[in-house]
Amino acid sequence: MKKGKTKKDWCGCFKKSKTKCSQNCGGVYFLGFIGAVIYYLQISTSFWNGVLGILKAIVWPAMLVYKLLVG
């Protein structure tokens, strides 16, 4: 690697700036949140299932990690 260049992490952020990375990764999380809301609202059959779907969309990364770790 040439001098003066920095590597990018998984979300495409430069490792030097933690603030910039958290802002970019927040955008990735937001897109995932919107996709999860759309998915959960499409499969809901009642109003309360839709409300529960929105709550699930907020915590979907935690549910994903749990299912990956537990199996």
PDB file of N, CA and C in Angstrom:
ATOM      1  N   MET A   1       0.834  -1.165   0.000  1.00  0.00           N
ATOM      2  CA  MET A   1       0.000   0.000   0.000  1.00  0.00           C
ATOM      3  C   MET A   1       0.890   1.243   0.000  1.00  0.00           C
ATOM      4  N   LYS A   2       0.533   2.232  -0.777  1.00  0.00           N
ATOM      5  CA  LYS A   2       1.322   3.454  -0.877  1.00  0.00           C
ATOM      6  C   LYS A   2       1.173   4.307   0.373  1.00  0.00           C
ATOM      7  N   LYS A   3       2.216   5.052   0.658  1.00  0.00           N
ATOM      8  CA  LYS A   3       2.199   5.921   1.831  1.00  0.00           C
ATOM      9  C   LYS A   3       1.159   7.028   1.644  1.00  0.00           C
ATOM     10  N   GLY A   4       0.436   7.334   2.688  1.00  0.00           N
ATOM     11  CA  GLY A   4      -0.562   8.391   2.627  1.00  0.00           C
ATOM     12  C   GLY A   4      -1.967   7.875   2.326  1.00  0.00           C
ATOM     13  N   LYS A   5      -2.075   6.630   1.893  1.00  0.00           N
ATOM     14  CA  LYS A   5      -3.393   6.060   1.614  1.00  0.00           C
ATOM     15  C   LYS A   5      -3.882   5.319   2.848  1.00  0.00           C
ATOM     16  N   THR A   6      -5.176   5.321   3.070  1.00  0.00           N
ATOM     17  CA  THR A   6      -5.745   4.591   4.194  1.00  0.00           C
ATOM     18  C   THR A   6      -6.719   3.558   3.675  1.00  0.00           C
ATOM     19  N   LYS A   7      -6.904   2.499   4.453  1.00  0.00           N
ATOM     20  CA  LYS A   7      -7.860   1.461   4.081  1.00  0.00           C
ATOM     21  C   LYS A   7      -9.270   1.903   4.433  1.00  0.00           C
ATOM     22  N   LYS A   8     -10.227   1.315   3.740  1.00  0.00           N
ATOM     23  CA  LYS A   8     -11.631   1.549   4.070  1.00  0.00           C
ATOM     24  C   LYS A   8     -12.147   0.356   4.851  1.00  0.00           C
ATOM     25  N   ASP A   9     -13.104   0.600   5.758  1.00  0.00           N
ATOM     26  CA  ASP A   9     -13.690  -0.506   6.488  1.00  0.00           C
ATOM     27  C   ASP A   9     -14.891  -1.045   5.720  1.00  0.00           C
ATOM     28  N   TRP A  10     -15.692  -1.901   6.341  1.00  0.00           N
ATOM     29  CA  TRP A  10     -16.748  -2.623   5.646  1.00  0.00           C
ATOM     30  C   TRP A  10     -17.831  -1.718   5.065  1.00  0.00           C
ATOM     31  N   CYS A  11     -18.056  -0.562   5.632  1.00  0.00           N
ATOM     32  CA  CYS A  11     -19.120   0.300   5.103  1.00  0.00           C
ATOM     33  C   CYS A  11     -18.564   1.369   4.164  1.00  0.00           C
ATOM     34  N   GLY A  12     -17.300   1.253   3.789  1.00  0.00           N
ATOM     35  CA  GLY A  12     -16.717   2.178   2.836  1.00  0.00           C
ATOM     36  C   GLY A  12     -16.154   3.437   3.450  1.00  0.00           C
ATOM     37  N   CYS A  13     -16.015   3.471   4.778  1.00  0.00           N
ATOM     38  CA  CYS A  13     -15.516   4.653   5.467  1.00  0.00           C
ATOM     39  C   CYS A  13     -14.010   4.542   5.648  1.00  0.00           C
ATOM     40  N   PHE A  14     -13.345   5.668   5.670  1.00  0.00           N
ATOM     41  CA  PHE A  14     -11.924   5.675   5.961  1.00  0.00           C
ATOM     42  C   PHE A  14     -11.712   5.457   7.449  1.00  0.00           C
ATOM     43  N   LYS A  15     -10.713   4.673   7.798  1.00  0.00           N
ATOM     44  CA  LYS A  15     -10.492   4.328   9.197  1.00  0.00           C
ATOM     45  C   LYS A  15      -9.975   5.487  10.035  1.00  0.00           C
ATOM     46  N   LYS A  16      -9.435   6.520   9.425  1.00  0.00           N
ATOM     47  CA  LYS A  16      -8.893   7.643  10.191  1.00  0.00           C
ATOM     48  C   LYS A  16      -9.990   8.398  10.946  1.00  0.00           C
ATOM     49  N   SER A  17     -11.136   8.596  10.337  1.00  0.00           N
ATOM     50  CA  SER A  17     -12.163   9.457  10.898  1.00  0.00           C
ATOM     51  C   SER A  17     -13.322   8.631  11.437  1.00  0.00           C
ATOM     52  N   LYS A  18     -13.439   8.524  12.768  1.00  0.00           N
ATOM     53  CA  LYS A  18     -14.529   7.764  13.362  1.00  0.00           C
ATOM     54  C   LYS A  18     -15.857   8.481  13.196  1.00  0.00           C
ATOM     55  N   THR A  19     -15.869   9.796  13.247  1.00  0.00           N
ATOM     56  CA  THR A  19     -17.115  10.547  13.114  1.00  0.00           C
ATOM     57  C   THR A  19     -17.717  10.350  11.733  1.00  0.00           C
ATOM     58  N   LYS A  20     -16.888  10.465  10.709  1.00  0.00           N
ATOM     59  CA  LYS A  20     -17.399  10.310   9.355  1.00  0.00           C
ATOM     60  C   LYS A  20     -17.934   8.902   9.131  1.00  0.00           C
ATOM     61  N   CYS A  21     -17.248   7.905   9.669  1.00  0.00           N
ATOM     62  CA  CYS A  21     -17.691   6.532   9.483  1.00  0.00           C
ATOM     63  C   CYS A  21     -19.048   6.305  10.129  1.00  0.00           C
ATOM     64  N   SER A  22     -19.244   6.800  11.337  1.00  0.00           N
ATOM     65  CA  SER A  22     -20.519   6.579  12.005  1.00  0.00           C
ATOM     66  C   SER A  22     -21.655   7.264  11.246  1.00  0.00           C
ATOM     67  N   GLN A  23     -21.363   8.381  10.612  1.00  0.00           N
ATOM     68  CA  GLN A  23     -22.400   9.045   9.819  1.00  0.00           C
ATOM     69  C   GLN A  23     -22.727   8.230   8.580  1.00  0.00           C
ATOM     70  N   ASN A  24     -21.735   7.701   7.899  1.00  0.00           N
ATOM     71  CA  ASN A  24     -21.998   6.902   6.703  1.00  0.00           C
ATOM     72  C   ASN A  24     -22.699   5.609   7.045  1.00  0.00           C
ATOM     73  N   CYS A  25     -22.279   4.948   8.111  1.00  0.00           N
ATOM     74  CA  CYS A  25     -22.901   3.694   8.502  1.00  0.00           C
ATOM     75  C   CYS A  25     -24.325   3.932   8.998  1.00  0.00           C
ATOM     76  N   GLY A  26     -24.601   5.110   9.513  1.00  0.00           N
ATOM     77  CA  GLY A  26     -25.963   5.451   9.901  1.00  0.00           C
ATOM     78  C   GLY A  26     -26.881   5.486   8.690  1.00  0.00           C
ATOM     79  N   GLY A  27     -26.346   5.924   7.568  1.00  0.00           N
ATOM     80  CA  GLY A  27     -27.130   5.908   6.332  1.00  0.00           C
ATOM     81  C   GLY A  27     -27.432   4.498   5.871  1.00  0.00           C
ATOM     82  N   VAL A  28     -26.475   3.607   6.039  1.00  0.00           N
ATOM     83  CA  VAL A  28     -26.690   2.197   5.691  1.00  0.00           C
ATOM     84  C   VAL A  28     -27.765   1.607   6.597  1.00  0.00           C
ATOM     85  N   TYR A  29     -27.697   1.908   7.889  1.00  0.00           N
ATOM     86  CA  TYR A  29     -28.714   1.436   8.834  1.00  0.00           C
ATOM     87  C   TYR A  29     -30.090   1.992   8.466  1.00  0.00           C
ATOM     88  N   PHE A  30     -30.151   3.260   8.076  1.00  0.00           N
ATOM     89  CA  PHE A  30     -31.431   3.877   7.723  1.00  0.00           C
ATOM     90  C   PHE A  30     -32.056   3.187   6.510  1.00  0.00           C
ATOM     91  N   LEU A  31     -31.252   2.869   5.509  1.00  0.00           N
ATOM     92  CA  LEU A  31     -31.779   2.162   4.338  1.00  0.00           C
ATOM     93  C   LEU A  31     -32.291   0.777   4.726  1.00  0.00           C
ATOM     94  N   GLY A  32     -31.570   0.110   5.610  1.00  0.00           N
ATOM     95  CA  GLY A  32     -32.040  -1.186   6.103  1.00  0.00           C
ATOM     96  C   GLY A  32     -33.332  -1.051   6.887  1.00  0.00           C
ATOM     97  N   PHE A  33     -33.445   0.021   7.671  1.00  0.00           N
ATOM     98  CA  PHE A  33     -34.666   0.273   8.437  1.00  0.00           C
ATOM     99  C   PHE A  33     -35.861   0.482   7.509  1.00  0.00           C
ATOM    100  N   ILE A  34     -35.673   1.284   6.467  1.00  0.00           N
ATOM    101  CA  ILE A  34     -36.770   1.531   5.517  1.00  0.00           C
ATOM    102  C   ILE A  34     -37.190   0.233   4.840  1.00  0.00           C
ATOM    103  N   GLY A  35     -36.214  -0.566   4.430  1.00  0.00           N
ATOM    104  CA  GLY A  35     -36.531  -1.858   3.805  1.00  0.00           C
ATOM    105  C   GLY A  35     -37.275  -2.780   4.751  1.00  0.00           C
ATOM    106  N   ALA A  36     -36.872  -2.794   6.022  1.00  0.00           N
ATOM    107  CA  ALA A  36     -37.539  -3.643   7.008  1.00  0.00           C
ATOM    108  C   ALA A  36     -38.963  -3.163   7.268  1.00  0.00           C
ATOM    109  N   VAL A  37     -39.170  -1.852   7.340  1.00  0.00           N
ATOM    110  CA  VAL A  37     -40.530  -1.322   7.535  1.00  0.00           C
ATOM    111  C   VAL A  37     -41.420  -1.732   6.370  1.00  0.00           C
ATOM    112  N   ILE A  38     -40.931  -1.584   5.166  1.00  0.00           N
ATOM    113  CA  ILE A  38     -41.727  -1.964   3.993  1.00  0.00           C
ATOM    114  C   ILE A  38     -42.055  -3.450   4.031  1.00  0.00           C
ATOM    115  N   TYR A  39     -41.067  -4.284   4.352  1.00  0.00           N
ATOM    116  CA  TYR A  39     -41.296  -5.733   4.417  1.00  0.00           C
ATOM    117  C   TYR A  39     -42.337  -6.086   5.471  1.00  0.00           C
ATOM    118  N   TYR A  40     -42.154  -5.580   6.696  1.00  0.00           N
ATOM    119  CA  TYR A  40     -43.067  -5.936   7.781  1.00  0.00           C
ATOM    120  C   TYR A  40     -44.477  -5.390   7.547  1.00  0.00           C
ATOM    121  N   LEU A  41     -44.600  -4.219   6.927  1.00  0.00           N
ATOM    122  CA  LEU A  41     -45.934  -3.693   6.645  1.00  0.00           C
ATOM    123  C   LEU A  41     -46.634  -4.473   5.541  1.00  0.00           C
ATOM    124  N   GLN A  42     -45.885  -5.001   4.596  1.00  0.00           N
ATOM    125  CA  GLN A  42     -46.494  -5.787   3.530  1.00  0.00           C
ATOM    126  C   GLN A  42     -47.050  -7.111   4.038  1.00  0.00           C
ATOM    127  N   ILE A  43     -46.389  -7.707   5.027  1.00  0.00           N
ATOM    128  CA  ILE A  43     -46.862  -9.005   5.509  1.00  0.00           C
ATOM    129  C   ILE A  43     -47.820  -8.893   6.695  1.00  0.00           C
ATOM    130  N   SER A  44     -48.074  -7.671   7.172  1.00  0.00           N
ATOM    131  CA  SER A  44     -48.988  -7.519   8.310  1.00  0.00           C
ATOM    132  C   SER A  44     -50.426  -7.722   7.850  1.00  0.00           C
ATOM    133  N   THR A  45     -51.223  -8.319   8.741  1.00  0.00           N
ATOM    134  CA  THR A  45     -52.622  -8.606   8.420  1.00  0.00           C
ATOM    135  C   THR A  45     -53.598  -7.716   9.185  1.00  0.00           C
ATOM    136  N   SER A  46     -53.092  -6.971  10.169  1.00  0.00           N
ATOM    137  CA  SER A  46     -53.954  -6.072  10.928  1.00  0.00           C
ATOM    138  C   SER A  46     -53.159  -4.842  11.328  1.00  0.00           C
ATOM    139  N   PHE A  47     -53.871  -3.885  11.911  1.00  0.00           N
ATOM    140  CA  PHE A  47     -53.222  -2.649  12.342  1.00  0.00           C
ATOM    141  C   PHE A  47     -52.138  -2.916  13.381  1.00  0.00           C
ATOM    142  N   TRP A  48     -52.448  -3.757  14.375  1.00  0.00           N
ATOM    143  CA  TRP A  48     -51.493  -4.011  15.445  1.00  0.00           C
ATOM    144  C   TRP A  48     -50.303  -4.823  14.963  1.00  0.00           C
ATOM    145  N   ASN A  49     -50.496  -5.677  13.970  1.00  0.00           N
ATOM    146  CA  ASN A  49     -49.354  -6.368  13.363  1.00  0.00           C
ATOM    147  C   ASN A  49     -48.462  -5.366  12.631  1.00  0.00           C
ATOM    148  N   GLY A  50     -49.046  -4.335  12.061  1.00  0.00           N
ATOM    149  CA  GLY A  50     -48.262  -3.283  11.421  1.00  0.00           C
ATOM    150  C   GLY A  50     -47.452  -2.485  12.420  1.00  0.00           C
ATOM    151  N   VAL A  51     -48.068  -2.179  13.588  1.00  0.00           N
ATOM    152  CA  VAL A  51     -47.348  -1.465  14.648  1.00  0.00           C
ATOM    153  C   VAL A  51     -46.201  -2.334  15.160  1.00  0.00           C
ATOM    154  N   LEU A  52     -46.466  -3.620  15.375  1.00  0.00           N
ATOM    155  CA  LEU A  52     -45.414  -4.536  15.808  1.00  0.00           C
ATOM    156  C   LEU A  52     -44.309  -4.635  14.753  1.00  0.00           C
ATOM    157  N   GLY A  53     -44.682  -4.581  13.471  1.00  0.00           N
ATOM    158  CA  GLY A  53     -43.701  -4.607  12.389  1.00  0.00           C
ATOM    159  C   GLY A  53     -42.780  -3.399  12.417  1.00  0.00           C
ATOM    160  N   ILE A  54     -43.323  -2.238  12.724  1.00  0.00           N
ATOM    161  CA  ILE A  54     -42.488  -1.029  12.818  1.00  0.00           C
ATOM    162  C   ILE A  54     -41.513  -1.165  13.984  1.00  0.00           C
ATOM    163  N   LEU A  55     -41.978  -1.706  15.106  1.00  0.00           N
ATOM    164  CA  LEU A  55     -41.083  -1.918  16.249  1.00  0.00           C
ATOM    165  C   LEU A  55     -40.001  -2.941  15.912  1.00  0.00           C
ATOM    166  N   LYS A  56     -40.364  -3.996  15.173  1.00  0.00           N
ATOM    167  CA  LYS A  56     -39.374  -4.984  14.758  1.00  0.00           C
ATOM    168  C   LYS A  56     -38.353  -4.370  13.804  1.00  0.00           C
ATOM    169  N   ALA A  57     -38.799  -3.452  12.961  1.00  0.00           N
ATOM    170  CA  ALA A  57     -37.889  -2.810  12.010  1.00  0.00           C
ATOM    171  C   ALA A  57     -36.835  -1.978  12.729  1.00  0.00           C
ATOM    172  N   ILE A  58     -37.181  -1.441  13.885  1.00  0.00           N
ATOM    173  CA  ILE A  58     -36.220  -0.641  14.650  1.00  0.00           C
ATOM    174  C   ILE A  58     -35.097  -1.528  15.192  1.00  0.00           C
ATOM    175  N   VAL A  59     -35.426  -2.738  15.627  1.00  0.00           N
ATOM    176  CA  VAL A  59     -34.444  -3.614  16.267  1.00  0.00           C
ATOM    177  C   VAL A  59     -34.008  -4.780  15.384  1.00  0.00           C
ATOM    178  N   TRP A  60     -34.219  -4.719  14.073  1.00  0.00           N
ATOM    179  CA  TRP A  60     -33.876  -5.856  13.224  1.00  0.00           C
ATOM    180  C   TRP A  60     -32.403  -6.228  13.250  1.00  0.00           C
ATOM    181  N   PRO A  61     -31.451  -5.295  13.401  1.00  0.00           N
ATOM    182  CA  PRO A  61     -30.052  -5.744  13.455  1.00  0.00           C
ATOM    183  C   PRO A  61     -29.776  -6.624  14.678  1.00  0.00           C
ATOM    184  N   ALA A  62     -30.374  -6.305  15.810  1.00  0.00           N
ATOM    185  CA  ALA A  62     -30.170  -7.110  17.009  1.00  0.00           C
ATOM    186  C   ALA A  62     -30.783  -8.507  16.830  1.00  0.00           C
ATOM    187  N   MET A  63     -31.949  -8.591  16.207  1.00  0.00           N
ATOM    188  CA  MET A  63     -32.572  -9.887  15.954  1.00  0.00           C
ATOM    189  C   MET A  63     -31.731 -10.716  14.994  1.00  0.00           C
ATOM    190  N   LEU A  64     -31.146 -10.074  13.989  1.00  0.00           N
ATOM    191  CA  LEU A  64     -30.306 -10.760  13.023  1.00  0.00           C
ATOM    192  C   LEU A  64     -29.069 -11.356  13.686  1.00  0.00           C
ATOM    193  N   VAL A  65     -28.385 -10.561  14.489  1.00  0.00           N
ATOM    194  CA  VAL A  65     -27.183 -11.040  15.177  1.00  0.00           C
ATOM    195  C   VAL A  65     -27.530 -12.180  16.128  1.00  0.00           C
ATOM    196  N   TYR A  66     -28.645 -12.069  16.839  1.00  0.00           N
ATOM    197  CA  TYR A  66     -29.068 -13.123  17.755  1.00  0.00           C
ATOM    198  C   TYR A  66     -29.297 -14.427  17.005  1.00  0.00           C
ATOM    199  N   LYS A  67     -30.012 -14.360  15.883  1.00  0.00           N
ATOM    200  CA  LYS A  67     -30.299 -15.584  15.120  1.00  0.00           C
ATOM    201  C   LYS A  67     -29.033 -16.170  14.511  1.00  0.00           C
ATOM    202  N   LEU A  68     -28.083 -15.323  14.120  1.00  0.00           N
ATOM    203  CA  LEU A  68     -26.828 -15.840  13.584  1.00  0.00           C
ATOM    204  C   LEU A  68     -25.986 -16.520  14.663  1.00  0.00           C
ATOM    205  N   LEU A  69     -26.005 -15.976  15.874  1.00  0.00           N
ATOM    206  CA  LEU A  69     -25.201 -16.552  16.945  1.00  0.00           C
ATOM    207  C   LEU A  69     -25.831 -17.813  17.544  1.00  0.00           C
ATOM    208  N   VAL A  70     -27.148 -17.824  17.669  1.00  0.00           N
ATOM    209  CA  VAL A  70     -27.831 -18.970  18.264  1.00  0.00           C
ATOM    210  C   VAL A  70     -27.938 -20.113  17.253  1.00  0.00           C
ATOM    211  N   GLY A  71     -28.169 -19.761  16.019  1.00  0.00           N
ATOM    212  CA  GLY A  71     -28.206 -20.789  14.970  1.00  0.00           C
ATOM    213  C   GLY A  71     -29.523 -21.030  14.490  1.00  0.00           C
TER     214      GLY A  71
END
